[in-house]
C-alpha atoms as a PDB file:
ATOM      1  CA  MET A   1     -73.262-202.680 355.573  1.00  0.00           C
ATOM      2  CA  ASN A   2     -70.446-201.784 357.748  1.00  0.00           C
ATOM      3  CA  GLY A   3     -68.197-204.243 355.979  1.00  0.00           C
ATOM      4  CA  GLU A   4     -69.459-203.144 352.592  1.00  0.00           C
ATOM      5  CA  ALA A   5     -68.829-199.453 353.402  1.00  0.00           C
ATOM      6  CA  ALA A   6     -65.364-200.291 354.672  1.00  0.00           C
ATOM      7  CA  ARG A   7     -64.528-202.121 351.431  1.00  0.00           C
ATOM      8  CA  ARG A   8     -65.771-199.179 349.372  1.00  0.00           C
ATOM      9  CA  MET A   9     -63.706-196.777 351.441  1.00  0.00           C
ATOM     10  CA  ALA A  10     -60.640-198.992 351.019  1.00  0.00           C
ATOM     11  CA  ARG A  11     -61.189-199.145 347.266  1.00  0.00           C
ATOM     12  CA  LEU A  12     -61.666-195.382 347.111  1.00  0.00           C
ATOM     13  CA  ARG A  13     -58.426-194.822 349.083  1.00  0.00           C
ATOM     14  CA  ALA A  14     -56.577-197.196 346.767  1.00  0.00           C
ATOM     15  CA  LEU A  15     -57.905-195.391 343.677  1.00  0.00           C
ATOM     16  CA  ARG A  16     -56.940-192.016 345.138  1.00  0.00           C
ATOM     17  CA  GLN A  17     -53.466-193.301 345.842  1.00  0.00           C
ATOM     18  CA  VAL A  18     -53.116-194.678 342.277  1.00  0.00           C
ATOM     19  CA  PHE A  19     -54.285-191.441 340.721  1.00  0.00           C
ATOM     20  CA  ALA A  20     -52.168-189.375 343.080  1.00  0.00           C
ATOM     21  CA  ASP A  21     -49.069-191.411 342.148  1.00  0.00           C
ATOM     22  CA  ASP A  22     -49.917-191.145 338.444  1.00  0.00           C
ATOM     23  CA  HIS A  23     -50.386-187.430 338.719  1.00  0.00           C
ATOM     24  CA  GLU A  24     -47.042-186.925 340.443  1.00  0.00           C
ATOM     25  CA  GLU A  25     -45.202-188.942 337.767  1.00  0.00           C
ATOM     26  CA  GLN A  26     -46.743-186.956 334.892  1.00  0.00           C
ATOM     27  CA  ALA A  27     -45.900-183.534 336.208  1.00  0.00           C
ATOM     28  CA  LEU A  28     -45.512-180.825 333.587  1.00  0.00           C
ATOM     29  CA  PRO A  29     -41.936-180.031 332.518  1.00  0.00           C
ATOM     30  CA  GLY A  30     -40.394-176.733 333.561  1.00  0.00           C
ATOM     31  CA  VAL A  31     -40.478-173.697 331.283  1.00  0.00           C
ATOM     32  CA  LYS A  32     -37.400-173.204 329.063  1.00  0.00           C
ATOM     33  CA  SER A  33     -35.957-169.730 329.153  1.00  0.00           C
ATOM     34  CA  ASP A  34     -33.654-170.027 326.097  1.00  0.00           C
ATOM     35  CA  ILE A  35     -34.747-169.116 322.560  1.00  0.00           C
ATOM     36  CA  ASN A  36     -34.835-171.724 319.814  1.00  0.00           C
ATOM     37  CA  VAL A  37     -33.163-169.905 316.902  1.00  0.00           C
ATOM     38  CA  THR A  38     -33.337-172.734 314.360  1.00  0.00           C
ATOM     39  CA  PRO A  39     -36.742-171.682 312.920  1.00  0.00           C
ATOM     40  CA  LEU A  40     -35.564-168.065 312.790  1.00  0.00           C
ATOM     41  CA  VAL A  41     -32.432-169.028 310.840  1.00  0.00           C
ATOM     42  CA  ASP A  42     -34.535-171.150 308.456  1.00  0.00           C
ATOM     43  CA  VAL A  43     -36.892-168.245 307.720  1.00  0.00           C
ATOM     44  CA  VAL A  44     -34.033-165.769 307.222  1.00  0.00           C
ATOM     45  CA  LEU A  45     -32.213-168.101 304.818  1.00  0.00           C
ATOM     46  CA  VAL A  46     -35.375-168.675 302.776  1.00  0.00           C
ATOM     47  CA  LEU A  47     -35.951-164.901 302.559  1.00  0.00           C
ATOM     48  CA  LEU A  48     -32.331-164.376 301.517  1.00  0.00           C
ATOM     49  CA  ILE A  49     -32.675-166.926 298.723  1.00  0.00           C
ATOM     50  CA  ILE A  50     -35.934-165.342 297.549  1.00  0.00           C
ATOM     51  CA  PHE A  51     -34.348-161.870 297.422  1.00  0.00           C
ATOM     52  CA  MET A  52     -31.290-163.211 295.586  1.00  0.00           C
ATOM     53  CA  VAL A  53     -33.500-164.796 292.923  1.00  0.00           C
ATOM     54  CA  VAL A  54     -35.971-161.907 292.560  1.00  0.00           C
ATOM     55  CA  THR A  55     -33.552-158.937 292.635  1.00  0.00           C
ATOM     56  CA  PRO A  56     -32.187-159.376 289.084  1.00  0.00           C
ATOM     57  CA  MET A  57     -35.765-159.511 287.783  1.00  0.00           C
ATOM     58  CA  ILE A  58     -36.631-156.157 289.363  1.00  0.00           C
ATOM     59  CA  ALA A  59     -34.268-154.163 287.130  1.00  0.00           C
ATOM     60  CA  SER A  60     -36.225-151.659 285.081  1.00  0.00           C
ATOM     61  CA  GLY A  61     -36.506-151.812 281.339  1.00  0.00           C
ATOM     62  CA  VAL A  62     -35.056-154.313 278.936  1.00  0.00           C
ATOM     63  CA  ALA A  63     -31.524-155.642 279.409  1.00  0.00           C
ATOM     64  CA  VAL A  64     -29.070-153.997 277.005  1.00  0.00           C
ATOM     65  CA  ASP A  65     -25.285-153.627 276.861  1.00  0.00           C
ATOM     66  CA  LEU A  66     -24.749-149.955 277.592  1.00  0.00           C
ATOM     67  CA  PRO A  67     -21.838-148.106 275.995  1.00  0.00           C
ATOM     68  CA  LYS A  68     -18.841-147.588 278.235  1.00  0.00           C
ATOM     69  CA  THR A  69     -17.543-144.098 278.997  1.00  0.00           C
ATOM     70  CA  ALA A  70     -14.554-142.802 280.951  1.00  0.00           C
ATOM     71  CA  HIS A  71     -16.472-140.002 282.715  1.00  0.00           C
ATOM     72  CA  HIS A  72     -19.397-142.010 283.985  1.00  0.00           C
ATOM     73  CA  GLN A  73     -21.732-140.506 286.579  1.00  0.00           C
ATOM     74  CA  ARG A  74     -23.476-143.119 288.668  1.00  0.00           C
ATOM     75  CA  LYS A  75     -27.200-142.740 288.976  1.00  0.00           C
ATOM     76  CA  PRO A  76     -29.039-145.258 291.154  1.00  0.00           C
ATOM     77  CA  ASP A  77     -32.145-146.913 289.751  1.00  0.00           C
ATOM     78  CA  ASP A  78     -34.663-145.314 292.061  1.00  0.00           C
ATOM     79  CA  GLY A  79     -37.722-146.112 289.944  1.00  0.00           C
ATOM     80  CA  LYS A  80     -38.227-142.423 289.111  1.00  0.00           C
ATOM     81  CA  ASP A  81     -37.404-142.715 285.406  1.00  0.00           C
ATOM     82  CA  ILE A  82     -39.288-143.686 282.301  1.00  0.00           C
ATOM     83  CA  ILE A  83     -36.903-146.169 280.677  1.00  0.00           C
ATOM     84  CA  VAL A  84     -36.643-146.068 276.867  1.00  0.00           C
ATOM     85  CA  SER A  85     -34.548-148.989 275.620  1.00  0.00           C
ATOM     86  CA  VAL A  86     -33.111-149.469 272.137  1.00  0.00           C
ATOM     87  CA  THR A  87     -31.876-153.013 271.539  1.00  0.00           C
ATOM     88  CA  GLN A  88     -29.245-154.411 269.214  1.00  0.00           C
ATOM     89  CA  ASP A  89     -31.902-155.658 266.784  1.00  0.00           C
ATOM     90  CA  LYS A  90     -33.472-152.165 266.421  1.00  0.00           C
ATOM     91  CA  ARG A  91     -36.404-152.702 268.772  1.00  0.00           C
ATOM     92  CA  TYR A  92     -37.804-149.940 270.972  1.00  0.00           C
ATOM     93  CA  TYR A  93     -39.203-150.443 274.474  1.00  0.00           C
ATOM     94  CA  VAL A  94     -40.835-148.096 276.974  1.00  0.00           C
ATOM     95  CA  GLY A  95     -40.265-149.838 280.285  1.00  0.00           C
ATOM     96  CA  THR A  96     -40.800-153.477 279.368  1.00  0.00           C
ATOM     97  CA  THR A  97     -43.497-152.781 276.759  1.00  0.00           C
ATOM     98  CA  ARG A  98     -42.375-153.136 273.168  1.00  0.00           C
ATOM     99  CA  VAL A  99     -43.167-150.292 270.766  1.00  0.00           C
ATOM    100  CA  ASN A 100     -43.578-151.760 267.286  1.00  0.00           C
ATOM    101  CA  ARG A 101     -42.906-148.623 265.228  1.00  0.00           C
ATOM    102  CA  ILE A 102     -40.781-145.556 265.872  1.00  0.00           C
ATOM    103  CA  GLU A 103     -43.857-143.423 265.176  1.00  0.00           C
ATOM    104  CA  ASP A 104     -45.636-145.027 268.164  1.00  0.00           C
ATOM    105  CA  LEU A 105     -42.769-144.192 270.527  1.00  0.00           C
ATOM    106  CA  SER A 106     -43.916-140.590 270.974  1.00  0.00           C
ATOM    107  CA  ALA A 107     -47.461-141.646 271.938  1.00  0.00           C
ATOM    108  CA  ALA A 108     -46.162-144.257 274.384  1.00  0.00           C
ATOM    109  CA  ILE A 109     -43.838-141.754 276.070  1.00  0.00           C
ATOM    110  CA  LYS A 110     -46.534-139.067 276.254  1.00  0.00           C
ATOM    111  CA  ASN A 111     -48.880-141.631 277.813  1.00  0.00           C
ATOM    112  CA  GLU A 112     -46.263-142.461 280.469  1.00  0.00           C
ATOM    113  CA  ARG A 113     -45.604-138.740 281.077  1.00  0.00           C
ATOM    114  CA  ARG A 114     -49.321-138.177 281.620  1.00  0.00           C
ATOM    115  CA  ARG A 115     -49.383-140.939 284.234  1.00  0.00           C
ATOM    116  CA  PHE A 116     -46.097-139.901 285.890  1.00  0.00           C
ATOM    117  CA  PRO A 117     -45.321-136.227 285.136  1.00  0.00           C
ATOM    118  CA  GLU A 118     -42.464-136.040 287.664  1.00  0.00           C
ATOM    119  CA  LYS A 119     -40.429-138.801 285.986  1.00  0.00           C
ATOM    120  CA  THR A 120     -37.529-138.098 283.658  1.00  0.00           C
ATOM    121  CA  ILE A 121     -36.640-140.040 280.511  1.00  0.00           C
ATOM    122  CA  PHE A 122     -33.723-142.476 280.742  1.00  0.00           C
ATOM    123  CA  VAL A 123     -32.511-143.739 277.350  1.00  0.00           C
ATOM    124  CA  LYS A 124     -30.683-147.062 277.366  1.00  0.00           C
ATOM    125  CA  GLY A 125     -29.174-147.630 273.925  1.00  0.00           C
ATOM    126  CA  ASP A 126     -27.404-150.933 273.317  1.00  0.00           C
ATOM    127  CA  SER A 127     -23.745-150.384 272.409  1.00  0.00           C
ATOM    128  CA  ARG A 128     -24.142-152.806 269.477  1.00  0.00           C
ATOM    129  CA  ALA A 129     -27.239-151.037 268.114  1.00  0.00           C
ATOM    130  CA  PRO A 130     -26.742-148.874 265.025  1.00  0.00           C
ATOM    131  CA  PHE A 131     -26.256-145.246 266.011  1.00  0.00           C
ATOM    132  CA  GLY A 132     -29.104-144.196 263.722  1.00  0.00           C
ATOM    133  CA  THR A 133     -31.597-146.242 265.750  1.00  0.00           C
ATOM    134  CA  VAL A 134     -30.727-144.448 268.975  1.00  0.00           C
ATOM    135  CA  ARG A 135     -30.637-141.105 267.130  1.00  0.00           C
ATOM    136  CA  GLU A 136     -34.185-141.713 265.835  1.00  0.00           C
ATOM    137  CA  ALA A 137     -35.380-142.309 269.394  1.00  0.00           C
ATOM    138  CA  MET A 138     -33.711-139.071 270.492  1.00  0.00           C
ATOM    139  CA  GLN A 139     -35.374-137.192 267.601  1.00  0.00           C
ATOM    140  CA  VAL A 140     -38.774-138.546 268.668  1.00  0.00           C
ATOM    141  CA  LEU A 141     -38.115-137.339 272.218  1.00  0.00           C
ATOM    142  CA  GLN A 142     -37.108-133.899 270.948  1.00  0.00           C
ATOM    143  CA  ALA A 143     -40.196-133.708 268.709  1.00  0.00           C
ATOM    144  CA  SER A 144     -42.314-134.646 271.749  1.00  0.00           C
ATOM    145  CA  GLU A 145     -40.892-131.558 273.521  1.00  0.00           C
ATOM    146  CA  ILE A 146     -39.126-133.621 276.173  1.00  0.00           C
ATOM    147  CA  SER A 147     -36.007-131.874 277.349  1.00  0.00           C
ATOM    148  CA  ASP A 148     -34.962-133.809 280.447  1.00  0.00           C
ATOM    149  CA  VAL A 149     -33.315-136.889 278.933  1.00  0.00           C
ATOM    150  CA  VAL A 150     -30.553-138.956 280.540  1.00  0.00           C
ATOM    151  CA  LEU A 151     -28.389-141.271 278.426  1.00  0.00           C
ATOM    152  CA  GLY A 152     -27.424-144.528 280.108  1.00  0.00           C
ATOM    153  CA  THR A 153     -23.763-145.565 280.134  1.00  0.00           C
ATOM    154  CA  GLU A 154     -21.476-147.847 282.090  1.00  0.00           C
ATOM    155  CA  GLU A 155     -18.134-146.923 283.582  1.00  0.00           C
ATOM    156  CA  LEU A 156     -15.103-147.799 281.483  1.00  0.00           C
ATOM    157  CA  GLN A 157     -12.965-150.199 283.503  1.00  0.00           C
ATOM    158  CA  LYS A 158      -9.331-149.164 283.454  1.00  0.00           C
ATOM    159  CA  LEU A 159      -6.822-151.952 283.206  1.00  0.00           C
ATOM    160  CA  GLY A 160      -4.514-152.182 286.197  1.00  0.00           C
ATOM    161  CA  GLY A 161      -0.908-151.299 285.652  1.00  0.00           C
ATOM    162  CA  GLY A 162       1.748-148.652 285.928  1.00  0.00           C
ATOM    163  CA  THR A 163       1.515-144.962 285.420  1.00  0.00           C
END
């Protein structure tokens, strides 16, 4: 058995040496201390594209061409207004909801005022809409005892030039 034990010990030493050599060759790589910014840039660019696409859709109310005035006062869209829109084809909207008849406009506005009493009314009348259509909306607001009304306008762009 002495010979047999010696052979086993030799085999065991050989296996240990093989595994020890293998283990040294497959050592773990060192830790990197620099930041990989490529995924961060990818995420930021995707978010930028999403915001660029979604932002025009966030605008309140229905899109209309507002009349242009020389003494325009800018008012940011802070979401604190009930938007009443009058379109070119004589349609009325409260926010994005269409009001079929002028008689229903008062009920729709009162309903919005009940839900949001701190909001003011912002009237966006299309510049191509007949004046009488916008006037009817204003009469409905007056009959509904709403006194804080803001008329939407755009600033008149002055042509560049001399004096």
